[in-house]
Amino acid sequence: MTEWYTGNYSILEGVDKLGTVNIRKGDIIVHSSGAVVLRCPACAAMQFGYAKILNSPKAPSLDRPLQCGSGHCKRCGVWFTIKNGKAEEAEPAESPKRELPRKLMKAGVKQSPKLKFEEK
């Protein structure tokens, strides 16, 4: 883990593809699909998530918290958000419970177990 990076986060203007620039701490790329690409403020791992950008490109805010690793391949598992260009720790967001279609349940498919993050 590195020291928590509070900011200044800003949007890279005119960049919507990852391969065209080396993303540094504080840089946010907004892809045309709505995805945002930025570095985790806790461990500096590159993060991909979906969030709307609010406020100005020089001091953006995200409309929702993101989790390092987006809940899959977690490096540190911290939840964070960006408010007015500054990174803040955030409470975990509740993901909506998805019901399996009746057809799948009849076929024997069961709900997957909730993944847990274990501290090392």
PDB file of N, CA and C in Angstrom:
ATOM      1  N   MET A   1       0.838  -1.181   0.000  1.00  0.00           N
ATOM      2  CA  MET A   1       0.000   0.000   0.000  1.00  0.00           C
ATOM      3  C   MET A   1       0.880   1.241   0.000  1.00  0.00           C
ATOM      4  N   THR A   2       0.414   2.234  -0.678  1.00  0.00           N
ATOM      5  CA  THR A   2       1.101   3.514  -0.680  1.00  0.00           C
ATOM      6  C   THR A   2       0.321   4.468   0.210  1.00  0.00           C
ATOM      7  N   GLU A   3       0.834   5.654   0.378  1.00  0.00           N
ATOM      8  CA  GLU A   3       0.123   6.661   1.164  1.00  0.00           C
ATOM      9  C   GLU A   3      -1.112   7.124   0.397  1.00  0.00           C
ATOM     10  N   TRP A   4      -2.205   7.406   1.125  1.00  0.00           N
ATOM     11  CA  TRP A   4      -3.470   7.828   0.519  1.00  0.00           C
ATOM     12  C   TRP A   4      -3.252   9.105  -0.282  1.00  0.00           C
ATOM     13  N   TYR A   5      -3.674   9.079  -1.540  1.00  0.00           N
ATOM     14  CA  TYR A   5      -3.569  10.244  -2.419  1.00  0.00           C
ATOM     15  C   TYR A   5      -4.894  10.991  -2.388  1.00  0.00           C
ATOM     16  N   THR A   6      -4.913  12.182  -1.821  1.00  0.00           N
ATOM     17  CA  THR A   6      -6.168  12.919  -1.703  1.00  0.00           C
ATOM     18  C   THR A   6      -6.557  13.626  -2.992  1.00  0.00           C
ATOM     19  N   GLY A   7      -5.632  14.035  -3.772  1.00  0.00           N
ATOM     20  CA  GLY A   7      -6.003  14.717  -5.016  1.00  0.00           C
ATOM     21  C   GLY A   7      -4.972  15.747  -5.350  1.00  0.00           C
ATOM     22  N   ASN A   8      -5.154  16.337  -6.304  1.00  0.00           N
ATOM     23  CA  ASN A   8      -6.137  16.943  -7.166  1.00  0.00           C
ATOM     24  C   ASN A   8      -6.411  16.051  -8.370  1.00  0.00           C
ATOM     25  N   TYR A   9      -7.637  15.568  -8.443  1.00  0.00           N
ATOM     26  CA  TYR A   9      -8.073  14.789  -9.594  1.00  0.00           C
ATOM     27  C   TYR A   9      -8.645  15.736 -10.635  1.00  0.00           C
ATOM     28  N   SER A  10      -8.362  15.430 -11.904  1.00  0.00           N
ATOM     29  CA  SER A  10      -8.927  16.214 -13.000  1.00  0.00           C
ATOM     30  C   SER A  10      -9.125  15.307 -14.207  1.00  0.00           C
ATOM     31  N   ILE A  11     -10.014  15.728 -15.089  1.00  0.00           N
ATOM     32  CA  ILE A  11     -10.334  14.958 -16.293  1.00  0.00           C
ATOM     33  C   ILE A  11      -9.305  15.285 -17.369  1.00  0.00           C
ATOM     34  N   LEU A  12      -8.796  14.248 -18.020  1.00  0.00           N
ATOM     35  CA  LEU A  12      -7.904  14.465 -19.157  1.00  0.00           C
ATOM     36  C   LEU A  12      -8.768  14.805 -20.364  1.00  0.00           C
ATOM     37  N   GLU A  13      -8.696  16.035 -20.798  1.00  0.00           N
ATOM     38  CA  GLU A  13      -9.513  16.521 -21.913  1.00  0.00           C
ATOM     39  C   GLU A  13      -9.063  15.895 -23.230  1.00  0.00           C
ATOM     40  N   GLY A  14     -10.012  15.489 -24.050  1.00  0.00           N
ATOM     41  CA  GLY A  14      -9.728  14.968 -25.381  1.00  0.00           C
ATOM     42  C   GLY A  14      -9.179  13.546 -25.393  1.00  0.00           C
ATOM     43  N   VAL A  15      -9.155  12.870 -24.261  1.00  0.00           N
ATOM     44  CA  VAL A  15      -8.664  11.496 -24.185  1.00  0.00           C
ATOM     45  C   VAL A  15      -9.820  10.606 -23.780  1.00  0.00           C
ATOM     46  N   ASP A  16     -10.131   9.597 -24.609  1.00  0.00           N
ATOM     47  CA  ASP A  16     -11.178   8.651 -24.216  1.00  0.00           C
ATOM     48  C   ASP A  16     -10.738   7.204 -24.414  1.00  0.00           C
ATOM     49  N   LYS A  17      -9.437   7.005 -24.648  1.00  0.00           N
ATOM     50  CA  LYS A  17      -8.895   5.655 -24.782  1.00  0.00           C
ATOM     51  C   LYS A  17      -7.671   5.534 -23.893  1.00  0.00           C
ATOM     52  N   LEU A  18      -7.531   4.391 -23.267  1.00  0.00           N
ATOM     53  CA  LEU A  18      -6.428   4.170 -22.342  1.00  0.00           C
ATOM     54  C   LEU A  18      -5.084   4.076 -23.047  1.00  0.00           C
ATOM     55  N   GLY A  19      -5.035   3.512 -24.232  1.00  0.00           N
ATOM     56  CA  GLY A  19      -3.775   3.289 -24.927  1.00  0.00           C
ATOM     57  C   GLY A  19      -3.077   4.540 -25.423  1.00  0.00           C
ATOM     58  N   THR A  20      -3.739   5.689 -25.358  1.00  0.00           N
ATOM     59  CA  THR A  20      -3.148   6.900 -25.917  1.00  0.00           C
ATOM     60  C   THR A  20      -2.386   7.738 -24.893  1.00  0.00           C
ATOM     61  N   VAL A  21      -2.437   7.356 -23.600  1.00  0.00           N
ATOM     62  CA  VAL A  21      -1.798   8.178 -22.575  1.00  0.00           C
ATOM     63  C   VAL A  21      -1.420   7.301 -21.386  1.00  0.00           C
ATOM     64  N   ASN A  22      -0.385   7.692 -20.684  1.00  0.00           N
ATOM     65  CA  ASN A  22       0.002   7.031 -19.443  1.00  0.00           C
ATOM     66  C   ASN A  22      -0.754   7.710 -18.307  1.00  0.00           C
ATOM     67  N   ILE A  23      -1.654   6.982 -17.670  1.00  0.00           N
ATOM     68  CA  ILE A  23      -2.486   7.575 -16.628  1.00  0.00           C
ATOM     69  C   ILE A  23      -1.712   7.633 -15.309  1.00  0.00           C
ATOM     70  N   ARG A  24      -1.690   8.816 -14.705  1.00  0.00           N
ATOM     71  CA  ARG A  24      -0.984   9.030 -13.435  1.00  0.00           C
ATOM     72  C   ARG A  24      -1.998   9.256 -12.328  1.00  0.00           C
ATOM     73  N   LYS A  25      -1.502   9.290 -11.083  1.00  0.00           N
ATOM     74  CA  LYS A  25      -2.383   9.612  -9.964  1.00  0.00           C
ATOM     75  C   LYS A  25      -3.022  10.966 -10.219  1.00  0.00           C
ATOM     76  N   GLY A  26      -4.317  11.042 -10.029  1.00  0.00           N
ATOM     77  CA  GLY A  26      -5.029  12.296 -10.223  1.00  0.00           C
ATOM     78  C   GLY A  26      -5.646  12.456 -11.592  1.00  0.00           C
ATOM     79  N   ASP A  27      -5.275  11.613 -12.542  1.00  0.00           N
ATOM     80  CA  ASP A  27      -5.855  11.678 -13.881  1.00  0.00           C
ATOM     81  C   ASP A  27      -7.120  10.841 -13.937  1.00  0.00           C
ATOM     82  N   ILE A  28      -8.121  11.328 -14.629  1.00  0.00           N
ATOM     83  CA  ILE A  28      -9.353  10.573 -14.868  1.00  0.00           C
ATOM     84  C   ILE A  28      -9.623  10.605 -16.365  1.00  0.00           C
ATOM     85  N   ILE A  29      -9.796   9.426 -16.943  1.00  0.00           N
ATOM     86  CA  ILE A  29     -10.193   9.317 -18.339  1.00  0.00           C
ATOM     87  C   ILE A  29     -11.673   8.957 -18.353  1.00  0.00           C
ATOM     88  N   VAL A  30     -12.448   9.677 -19.144  1.00  0.00           N
ATOM     89  CA  VAL A  30     -13.871   9.374 -19.307  1.00  0.00           C
ATOM     90  C   VAL A  30     -14.042   8.768 -20.689  1.00  0.00           C
ATOM     91  N   HIS A  31     -14.352   7.475 -20.717  1.00  0.00           N
ATOM     92  CA  HIS A  31     -14.546   6.756 -21.973  1.00  0.00           C
ATOM     93  C   HIS A  31     -15.914   7.100 -22.546  1.00  0.00           C
ATOM     94  N   SER A  32     -16.061   6.968 -23.841  1.00  0.00           N
ATOM     95  CA  SER A  32     -17.325   7.292 -24.497  1.00  0.00           C
ATOM     96  C   SER A  32     -18.470   6.380 -24.042  1.00  0.00           C
ATOM     97  N   SER A  33     -18.159   5.227 -23.468  1.00  0.00           N
ATOM     98  CA  SER A  33     -19.192   4.316 -22.968  1.00  0.00           C
ATOM     99  C   SER A  33     -19.746   4.739 -21.613  1.00  0.00           C
ATOM    100  N   GLY A  34     -19.109   5.718 -20.958  1.00  0.00           N
ATOM    101  CA  GLY A  34     -19.532   6.143 -19.637  1.00  0.00           C
ATOM    102  C   GLY A  34     -18.616   5.633 -18.541  1.00  0.00           C
ATOM    103  N   ALA A  35     -17.680   4.769 -18.899  1.00  0.00           N
ATOM    104  CA  ALA A  35     -16.732   4.250 -17.917  1.00  0.00           C
ATOM    105  C   ALA A  35     -15.705   5.325 -17.569  1.00  0.00           C
ATOM    106  N   VAL A  36     -15.218   5.270 -16.331  1.00  0.00           N
ATOM    107  CA  VAL A  36     -14.126   6.145 -15.915  1.00  0.00           C
ATOM    108  C   VAL A  36     -12.920   5.274 -15.595  1.00  0.00           C
ATOM    109  N   VAL A  37     -11.744   5.790 -15.904  1.00  0.00           N
ATOM    110  CA  VAL A  37     -10.487   5.102 -15.630  1.00  0.00           C
ATOM    111  C   VAL A  37      -9.653   6.042 -14.776  1.00  0.00           C
ATOM    112  N   LEU A  38      -9.217   5.552 -13.622  1.00  0.00           N
ATOM    113  CA  LEU A  38      -8.406   6.361 -12.717  1.00  0.00           C
ATOM    114  C   LEU A  38      -7.605   5.438 -11.822  1.00  0.00           C
ATOM    115  N   ARG A  39      -6.706   5.998 -11.035  1.00  0.00           N
ATOM    116  CA  ARG A  39      -5.902   5.210 -10.104  1.00  0.00           C
ATOM    117  C   ARG A  39      -6.515   5.266  -8.710  1.00  0.00           C
ATOM    118  N   CYS A  40      -6.475   4.124  -8.019  1.00  0.00           N
ATOM    119  CA  CYS A  40      -6.988   4.035  -6.647  1.00  0.00           C
ATOM    120  C   CYS A  40      -6.162   4.952  -5.757  1.00  0.00           C
ATOM    121  N   PRO A  41      -6.801   5.753  -4.915  1.00  0.00           N
ATOM    122  CA  PRO A  41      -6.048   6.653  -4.043  1.00  0.00           C
ATOM    123  C   PRO A  41      -5.284   5.923  -2.944  1.00  0.00           C
ATOM    124  N   ALA A  42      -5.647   4.671  -2.646  1.00  0.00           N
ATOM    125  CA  ALA A  42      -4.990   3.930  -1.572  1.00  0.00           C
ATOM    126  C   ALA A  42      -3.778   3.139  -2.068  1.00  0.00           C
ATOM    127  N   CYS A  43      -3.918   2.428  -3.202  1.00  0.00           N
ATOM    128  CA  CYS A  43      -2.824   1.558  -3.647  1.00  0.00           C
ATOM    129  C   CYS A  43      -2.300   1.893  -5.038  1.00  0.00           C
ATOM    130  N   ALA A  44      -2.889   2.870  -5.704  1.00  0.00           N
ATOM    131  CA  ALA A  44      -2.473   3.348  -7.034  1.00  0.00           C
ATOM    132  C   ALA A  44      -2.715   2.338  -8.151  1.00  0.00           C
ATOM    133  N   ALA A  45      -3.517   1.295  -7.911  1.00  0.00           N
ATOM    134  CA  ALA A  45      -3.867   0.360  -8.972  1.00  0.00           C
ATOM    135  C   ALA A  45      -4.871   1.024  -9.915  1.00  0.00           C
ATOM    136  N   MET A  46      -4.773   0.703 -11.204  1.00  0.00           N
ATOM    137  CA  MET A  46      -5.675   1.293 -12.174  1.00  0.00           C
ATOM    138  C   MET A  46      -7.078   0.728 -11.994  1.00  0.00           C
ATOM    139  N   GLN A  47      -8.081   1.604 -11.982  1.00  0.00           N
ATOM    140  CA  GLN A  47      -9.464   1.221 -11.737  1.00  0.00           C
ATOM    141  C   GLN A  47     -10.348   1.595 -12.912  1.00  0.00           C
ATOM    142  N   PHE A  48     -11.303   0.725 -13.186  1.00  0.00           N
ATOM    143  CA  PHE A  48     -12.295   0.944 -14.225  1.00  0.00           C
ATOM    144  C   PHE A  48     -13.658   0.854 -13.551  1.00  0.00           C
ATOM    145  N   GLY A  49     -14.493   1.818 -13.750  1.00  0.00           N
ATOM    146  CA  GLY A  49     -15.820   1.794 -13.148  1.00  0.00           C
ATOM    147  C   GLY A  49     -16.762   2.681 -13.921  1.00  0.00           C
ATOM    148  N   TYR A  50     -18.050   2.574 -13.590  1.00  0.00           N
ATOM    149  CA  TYR A  50     -19.057   3.426 -14.219  1.00  0.00           C
ATOM    150  C   TYR A  50     -19.540   4.442 -13.207  1.00  0.00           C
ATOM    151  N   ALA A  51     -19.398   5.706 -13.557  1.00  0.00           N
ATOM    152  CA  ALA A  51     -19.870   6.798 -12.710  1.00  0.00           C
ATOM    153  C   ALA A  51     -20.058   8.016 -13.593  1.00  0.00           C
ATOM    154  N   LYS A  52     -21.055   8.811 -13.266  1.00  0.00           N
ATOM    155  CA  LYS A  52     -21.254  10.074 -13.977  1.00  0.00           C
ATOM    156  C   LYS A  52     -20.335  11.115 -13.359  1.00  0.00           C
ATOM    157  N   ILE A  53     -19.833  11.988 -14.199  1.00  0.00           N
ATOM    158  CA  ILE A  53     -18.957  13.066 -13.744  1.00  0.00           C
ATOM    159  C   ILE A  53     -19.809  14.300 -13.510  1.00  0.00           C
ATOM    160  N   LEU A  54     -19.677  14.871 -12.330  1.00  0.00           N
ATOM    161  CA  LEU A  54     -20.384  16.095 -11.972  1.00  0.00           C
ATOM    162  C   LEU A  54     -19.350  17.207 -11.792  1.00  0.00           C
ATOM    163  N   ASN A  55     -19.787  18.429 -11.856  1.00  0.00           N
ATOM    164  CA  ASN A  55     -18.926  19.615 -11.666  1.00  0.00           C
ATOM    165  C   ASN A  55     -17.987  19.817 -12.843  1.00  0.00           C
ATOM    166  N   SER A  56     -16.942  20.576 -12.637  1.00  0.00           N
ATOM    167  CA  SER A  56     -16.035  20.953 -13.726  1.00  0.00           C
ATOM    168  C   SER A  56     -14.957  19.892 -13.960  1.00  0.00           C
ATOM    169  N   PRO A  57     -14.361  19.877 -15.153  1.00  0.00           N
ATOM    170  CA  PRO A  57     -13.283  18.926 -15.435  1.00  0.00           C
ATOM    171  C   PRO A  57     -12.038  19.139 -14.560  1.00  0.00           C
ATOM    172  N   LYS A  58     -11.836  20.336 -14.047  1.00  0.00           N
ATOM    173  CA  LYS A  58     -10.661  20.616 -13.204  1.00  0.00           C
ATOM    174  C   LYS A  58     -10.871  20.187 -11.756  1.00  0.00           C
ATOM    175  N   ALA A  59     -12.121  20.053 -11.311  1.00  0.00           N
ATOM    176  CA  ALA A  59     -12.446  19.602  -9.948  1.00  0.00           C
ATOM    177  C   ALA A  59     -13.695  18.733 -10.010  1.00  0.00           C
ATOM    178  N   PRO A  60     -13.577  17.534 -10.622  1.00  0.00           N
ATOM    179  CA  PRO A  60     -14.763  16.704 -10.829  1.00  0.00           C
ATOM    180  C   PRO A  60     -15.234  16.009  -9.556  1.00  0.00           C
ATOM    181  N   SER A  61     -16.478  15.575  -9.595  1.00  0.00           N
ATOM    182  CA  SER A  61     -17.063  14.735  -8.552  1.00  0.00           C
ATOM    183  C   SER A  61     -17.687  13.532  -9.245  1.00  0.00           C
ATOM    184  N   LEU A  62     -17.633  12.375  -8.582  1.00  0.00           N
ATOM    185  CA  LEU A  62     -18.287  11.177  -9.096  1.00  0.00           C
ATOM    186  C   LEU A  62     -19.645  11.042  -8.426  1.00  0.00           C
ATOM    187  N   ASP A  63     -20.626  10.545  -9.154  1.00  0.00           N
ATOM    188  CA  ASP A  63     -21.976  10.424  -8.588  1.00  0.00           C
ATOM    189  C   ASP A  63     -22.147   9.193  -7.701  1.00  0.00           C
ATOM    190  N   ARG A  64     -21.134   8.334  -7.621  1.00  0.00           N
ATOM    191  CA  ARG A  64     -21.226   7.129  -6.787  1.00  0.00           C
ATOM    192  C   ARG A  64     -19.839   6.693  -6.345  1.00  0.00           C
ATOM    193  N   PRO A  65     -19.760   5.912  -5.285  1.00  0.00           N
ATOM    194  CA  PRO A  65     -18.461   5.403  -4.848  1.00  0.00           C
ATOM    195  C   PRO A  65     -17.991   4.250  -5.736  1.00  0.00           C
ATOM    196  N   LEU A  66     -16.691   4.068  -5.812  1.00  0.00           N
ATOM    197  CA  LEU A  66     -16.077   2.966  -6.549  1.00  0.00           C
ATOM    198  C   LEU A  66     -15.287   2.113  -5.566  1.00  0.00           C
ATOM    199  N   GLN A  67     -15.090   0.855  -5.912  1.00  0.00           N
ATOM    200  CA  GLN A  67     -14.282  -0.020  -5.077  1.00  0.00           C
ATOM    201  C   GLN A  67     -13.040  -0.424  -5.847  1.00  0.00           C
ATOM    202  N   CYS A  68     -11.908  -0.402  -5.171  1.00  0.00           N
ATOM    203  CA  CYS A  68     -10.665  -0.841  -5.803  1.00  0.00           C
ATOM    204  C   CYS A  68     -10.863  -2.276  -6.273  1.00  0.00           C
ATOM    205  N   GLY A  69     -10.656  -2.506  -7.536  1.00  0.00           N
ATOM    206  CA  GLY A  69     -10.860  -3.822  -8.121  1.00  0.00           C
ATOM    207  C   GLY A  69     -12.285  -4.061  -8.573  1.00  0.00           C
ATOM    208  N   SER A  70     -13.167  -3.099  -8.370  1.00  0.00           N
ATOM    209  CA  SER A  70     -14.578  -3.186  -8.761  1.00  0.00           C
ATOM    210  C   SER A  70     -15.237  -4.458  -8.261  1.00  0.00           C
ATOM    211  N   GLY A  71     -14.796  -4.941  -7.112  1.00  0.00           N
ATOM    212  CA  GLY A  71     -15.425  -6.101  -6.511  1.00  0.00           C
ATOM    213  C   GLY A  71     -14.932  -7.428  -7.057  1.00  0.00           C
ATOM    214  N   HIS A  72     -13.960  -7.427  -7.953  1.00  0.00           N
ATOM    215  CA  HIS A  72     -13.481  -8.675  -8.549  1.00  0.00           C
ATOM    216  C   HIS A  72     -12.051  -8.948  -8.083  1.00  0.00           C
ATOM    217  N   CYS A  73     -11.082  -8.551  -8.847  1.00  0.00           N
ATOM    218  CA  CYS A  73      -9.683  -8.811  -8.522  1.00  0.00           C
ATOM    219  C   CYS A  73      -9.186  -7.676  -7.636  1.00  0.00           C
ATOM    220  N   LYS A  74      -9.457  -7.757  -6.353  1.00  0.00           N
ATOM    221  CA  LYS A  74      -9.171  -6.646  -5.450  1.00  0.00           C
ATOM    222  C   LYS A  74      -7.703  -6.602  -5.054  1.00  0.00           C
ATOM    223  N   ARG A  75      -7.139  -5.442  -5.120  1.00  0.00           N
ATOM    224  CA  ARG A  75      -5.784  -5.264  -4.628  1.00  0.00           C
ATOM    225  C   ARG A  75      -5.827  -4.790  -3.184  1.00  0.00           C
ATOM    226  N   CYS A  76      -6.669  -3.820  -2.899  1.00  0.00           N
ATOM    227  CA  CYS A  76      -6.798  -3.368  -1.514  1.00  0.00           C
ATOM    228  C   CYS A  76      -8.252  -3.364  -1.056  1.00  0.00           C
ATOM    229  N   GLY A  77      -9.208  -3.345  -1.977  1.00  0.00           N
ATOM    230  CA  GLY A  77     -10.622  -3.451  -1.640  1.00  0.00           C
ATOM    231  C   GLY A  77     -11.256  -2.205  -1.054  1.00  0.00           C
ATOM    232  N   VAL A  78     -10.550  -1.089  -1.026  1.00  0.00           N
ATOM    233  CA  VAL A  78     -11.076   0.133  -0.417  1.00  0.00           C
ATOM    234  C   VAL A  78     -12.175   0.744  -1.292  1.00  0.00           C
ATOM    235  N   TRP A  79     -13.186   1.318  -0.653  1.00  0.00           N
ATOM    236  CA  TRP A  79     -14.230   2.072  -1.346  1.00  0.00           C
ATOM    237  C   TRP A  79     -13.846   3.548  -1.286  1.00  0.00           C
ATOM    238  N   PHE A  80     -13.969   4.238  -2.409  1.00  0.00           N
ATOM    239  CA  PHE A  80     -13.622   5.649  -2.456  1.00  0.00           C
ATOM    240  C   PHE A  80     -14.514   6.381  -3.437  1.00  0.00           C
ATOM    241  N   THR A  81     -14.528   7.695  -3.301  1.00  0.00           N
ATOM    242  CA  THR A  81     -15.221   8.547  -4.260  1.00  0.00           C
ATOM    243  C   THR A  81     -14.391   9.803  -4.450  1.00  0.00           C
ATOM    244  N   ILE A  82     -14.714  10.563  -5.473  1.00  0.00           N
ATOM    245  CA  ILE A  82     -14.033  11.824  -5.758  1.00  0.00           C
ATOM    246  C   ILE A  82     -15.068  12.931  -5.602  1.00  0.00           C
ATOM    247  N   LYS A  83     -14.764  13.924  -4.754  1.00  0.00           N
ATOM    248  CA  LYS A  83     -15.646  15.077  -4.567  1.00  0.00           C
ATOM    249  C   LYS A  83     -14.823  16.341  -4.756  1.00  0.00           C
ATOM    250  N   ASN A  84     -15.234  17.135  -5.718  1.00  0.00           N
ATOM    251  CA  ASN A  84     -14.557  18.394  -6.037  1.00  0.00           C
ATOM    252  C   ASN A  84     -13.055  18.206  -6.221  1.00  0.00           C
ATOM    253  N   GLY A  85     -12.672  17.122  -6.908  1.00  0.00           N
ATOM    254  CA  GLY A  85     -11.279  16.864  -7.230  1.00  0.00           C
ATOM    255  C   GLY A  85     -10.472  16.216  -6.125  1.00  0.00           C
ATOM    256  N   LYS A  86     -11.089  15.885  -5.007  1.00  0.00           N
ATOM    257  CA  LYS A  86     -10.393  15.279  -3.863  1.00  0.00           C
ATOM    258  C   LYS A  86     -10.936  13.878  -3.620  1.00  0.00           C
ATOM    259  N   ALA A  87     -10.046  12.929  -3.312  1.00  0.00           N
ATOM    260  CA  ALA A  87     -10.458  11.557  -3.013  1.00  0.00           C
ATOM    261  C   ALA A  87     -10.856  11.445  -1.554  1.00  0.00           C
ATOM    262  N   GLU A  88     -11.944  10.723  -1.306  1.00  0.00           N
ATOM    263  CA  GLU A  88     -12.430  10.486   0.047  1.00  0.00           C
ATOM    264  C   GLU A  88     -12.801   9.025   0.187  1.00  0.00           C
ATOM    265  N   GLU A  89     -12.603   8.473   1.384  1.00  0.00           N
ATOM    266  CA  GLU A  89     -13.093   7.118   1.638  1.00  0.00           C
ATOM    267  C   GLU A  89     -14.615   7.164   1.636  1.00  0.00           C
ATOM    268  N   ALA A  90     -15.228   6.078   1.196  1.00  0.00           N
ATOM    269  CA  ALA A  90     -16.684   6.037   1.087  1.00  0.00           C
ATOM    270  C   ALA A  90     -17.212   4.751   1.689  1.00  0.00           C
ATOM    271  N   GLU A  91     -18.489   4.779   2.039  1.00  0.00           N
ATOM    272  CA  GLU A  91     -19.166   3.585   2.531  1.00  0.00           C
ATOM    273  C   GLU A  91     -19.429   2.658   1.344  1.00  0.00           C
ATOM    274  N   PRO A  92     -19.369   1.342   1.567  1.00  0.00           N
ATOM    275  CA  PRO A  92     -19.662   0.411   0.471  1.00  0.00           C
ATOM    276  C   PRO A  92     -21.059   0.633  -0.092  1.00  0.00           C
ATOM    277  N   ALA A  93     -21.145   0.603  -1.398  1.00  0.00           N
ATOM    278  CA  ALA A  93     -22.430   0.773  -2.072  1.00  0.00           C
ATOM    279  C   ALA A  93     -23.160  -0.558  -2.095  1.00  0.00           C
ATOM    280  N   GLU A  94     -24.448  -0.507  -1.906  1.00  0.00           N
ATOM    281  CA  GLU A  94     -25.263  -1.712  -1.973  1.00  0.00           C
ATOM    282  C   GLU A  94     -25.552  -2.033  -3.433  1.00  0.00           C
ATOM    283  N   SER A  95     -25.258  -3.257  -3.833  1.00  0.00           N
ATOM    284  CA  SER A  95     -25.600  -3.656  -5.191  1.00  0.00           C
ATOM    285  C   SER A  95     -26.998  -4.261  -5.178  1.00  0.00           C
ATOM    286  N   PRO A  96     -27.768  -3.986  -6.213  1.00  0.00           N
ATOM    287  CA  PRO A  96     -29.135  -4.492  -6.229  1.00  0.00           C
ATOM    288  C   PRO A  96     -29.163  -6.017  -6.304  1.00  0.00           C
ATOM    289  N   LYS A  97     -30.068  -6.623  -5.566  1.00  0.00           N
ATOM    290  CA  LYS A  97     -30.221  -8.077  -5.566  1.00  0.00           C
ATOM    291  C   LYS A  97     -30.920  -8.467  -6.857  1.00  0.00           C
ATOM    292  N   ARG A  98     -30.313  -9.365  -7.589  1.00  0.00           N
ATOM    293  CA  ARG A  98     -30.900  -9.817  -8.847  1.00  0.00           C
ATOM    294  C   ARG A  98     -31.525 -11.189  -8.644  1.00  0.00           C
ATOM    295  N   GLU A  99     -32.747 -11.313  -9.047  1.00  0.00           N
ATOM    296  CA  GLU A  99     -33.452 -12.588  -8.937  1.00  0.00           C
ATOM    297  C   GLU A  99     -33.198 -13.417 -10.192  1.00  0.00           C
ATOM    298  N   LEU A 100     -33.006 -14.703  -9.975  1.00  0.00           N
ATOM    299  CA  LEU A 100     -32.856 -15.602 -11.117  1.00  0.00           C
ATOM    300  C   LEU A 100     -34.215 -15.809 -11.780  1.00  0.00           C
ATOM    301  N   PRO A 101     -34.234 -15.854 -13.093  1.00  0.00           N
ATOM    302  CA  PRO A 101     -35.498 -16.154 -13.771  1.00  0.00           C
ATOM    303  C   PRO A 101     -35.996 -17.546 -13.384  1.00  0.00           C
ATOM    304  N   ARG A 102     -37.293 -17.688 -13.337  1.00  0.00           N
ATOM    305  CA  ARG A 102     -37.931 -18.950 -12.934  1.00  0.00           C
ATOM    306  C   ARG A 102     -37.442 -20.125 -13.786  1.00  0.00           C
ATOM    307  N   LYS A 103     -37.230 -19.879 -15.048  1.00  0.00           N
ATOM    308  CA  LYS A 103     -36.782 -20.933 -15.971  1.00  0.00           C
ATOM    309  C   LYS A 103     -35.418 -21.487 -15.525  1.00  0.00           C
ATOM    310  N   LEU A 104     -34.510 -20.610 -15.112  1.00  0.00           N
ATOM    311  CA  LEU A 104     -33.189 -21.056 -14.655  1.00  0.00           C
ATOM    312  C   LEU A 104     -33.288 -21.799 -13.323  1.00  0.00           C
ATOM    313  N   MET A 105     -34.149 -21.327 -12.440  1.00  0.00           N
ATOM    314  CA  MET A 105     -34.307 -21.987 -11.148  1.00  0.00           C
ATOM    315  C   MET A 105     -34.846 -23.406 -11.334  1.00  0.00           C
ATOM    316  N   LYS A 106     -35.789 -23.575 -12.260  1.00  0.00           N
ATOM    317  CA  LYS A 106     -36.327 -24.911 -12.548  1.00  0.00           C
ATOM    318  C   LYS A 106     -35.256 -25.823 -13.125  1.00  0.00           C
ATOM    319  N   ALA A 107     -34.295 -25.234 -13.831  1.00  0.00           N
ATOM    320  CA  ALA A 107     -33.214 -26.021 -14.434  1.00  0.00           C
ATOM    321  C   ALA A 107     -32.125 -26.375 -13.419  1.00  0.00           C
ATOM    322  N   GLY A 108     -32.251 -25.865 -12.174  1.00  0.00           N
ATOM    323  CA  GLY A 108     -31.292 -26.223 -11.127  1.00  0.00           C
ATOM    324  C   GLY A 108     -30.215 -25.191 -10.860  1.00  0.00           C
ATOM    325  N   VAL A 109     -30.285 -24.042 -11.503  1.00  0.00           N
ATOM    326  CA  VAL A 109     -29.295 -22.983 -11.278  1.00  0.00           C
ATOM    327  C   VAL A 109     -29.599 -22.307  -9.948  1.00  0.00           C
ATOM    328  N   LYS A 110     -28.568 -22.077  -9.140  1.00  0.00           N
ATOM    329  CA  LYS A 110     -28.739 -21.440  -7.830  1.00  0.00           C
ATOM    330  C   LYS A 110     -28.019 -20.098  -7.808  1.00  0.00           C
ATOM    331  N   GLN A 111     -28.426 -19.244  -6.863  1.00  0.00           N
ATOM    332  CA  GLN A 111     -27.754 -17.950  -6.682  1.00  0.00           C
ATOM    333  C   GLN A 111     -26.304 -18.193  -6.310  1.00  0.00           C
ATOM    334  N   SER A 112     -25.407 -17.394  -6.830  1.00  0.00           N
ATOM    335  CA  SER A 112     -23.992 -17.538  -6.479  1.00  0.00           C
ATOM    336  C   SER A 112     -23.769 -16.986  -5.075  1.00  0.00           C
ATOM    337  N   PRO A 113     -22.807 -17.547  -4.350  1.00  0.00           N
ATOM    338  CA  PRO A 113     -22.525 -17.029  -3.009  1.00  0.00           C
ATOM    339  C   PRO A 113     -21.851 -15.664  -3.097  1.00  0.00           C
ATOM    340  N   LYS A 114     -22.057 -14.846  -2.071  1.00  0.00           N
ATOM    341  CA  LYS A 114     -21.440 -13.526  -2.034  1.00  0.00           C
ATOM    342  C   LYS A 114     -19.952 -13.685  -1.765  1.00  0.00           C
ATOM    343  N   LEU A 115     -19.137 -13.019  -2.567  1.00  0.00           N
ATOM    344  CA  LEU A 115     -17.682 -13.074  -2.402  1.00  0.00           C
ATOM    345  C   LEU A 115     -17.278 -12.215  -1.208  1.00  0.00           C
ATOM    346  N   LYS A 116     -16.302 -12.681  -0.466  1.00  0.00           N
ATOM    347  CA  LYS A 116     -15.815 -11.941   0.693  1.00  0.00           C
ATOM    348  C   LYS A 116     -14.354 -11.579   0.475  1.00  0.00           C
ATOM    349  N   PHE A 117     -13.988 -10.400   0.946  1.00  0.00           N
ATOM    350  CA  PHE A 117     -12.617  -9.920   0.869  1.00  0.00           C
ATOM    351  C   PHE A 117     -11.924 -10.263   2.175  1.00  0.00           C
ATOM    352  N   GLU A 118     -10.834 -11.004   2.113  1.00  0.00           N
ATOM    353  CA  GLU A 118     -10.116 -11.402   3.310  1.00  0.00           C
ATOM    354  C   GLU A 118      -8.842 -10.568   3.460  1.00  0.00           C
ATOM    355  N   GLU A 119      -8.622 -10.087   4.657  1.00  0.00           N
ATOM    356  CA  GLU A 119      -7.411  -9.330   4.954  1.00  0.00           C
ATOM    357  C   GLU A 119      -6.222 -10.276   5.013  1.00  0.00           C
ATOM    358  N   LYS A 120      -5.058  -9.832   4.543  1.00  0.00           N
ATOM    359  CA  LYS A 120      -3.855 -10.662   4.594  1.00  0.00           C
ATOM    360  C   LYS A 120      -3.070 -10.373   5.843  1.00  0.00           C
TER     361      LYS A 120
END
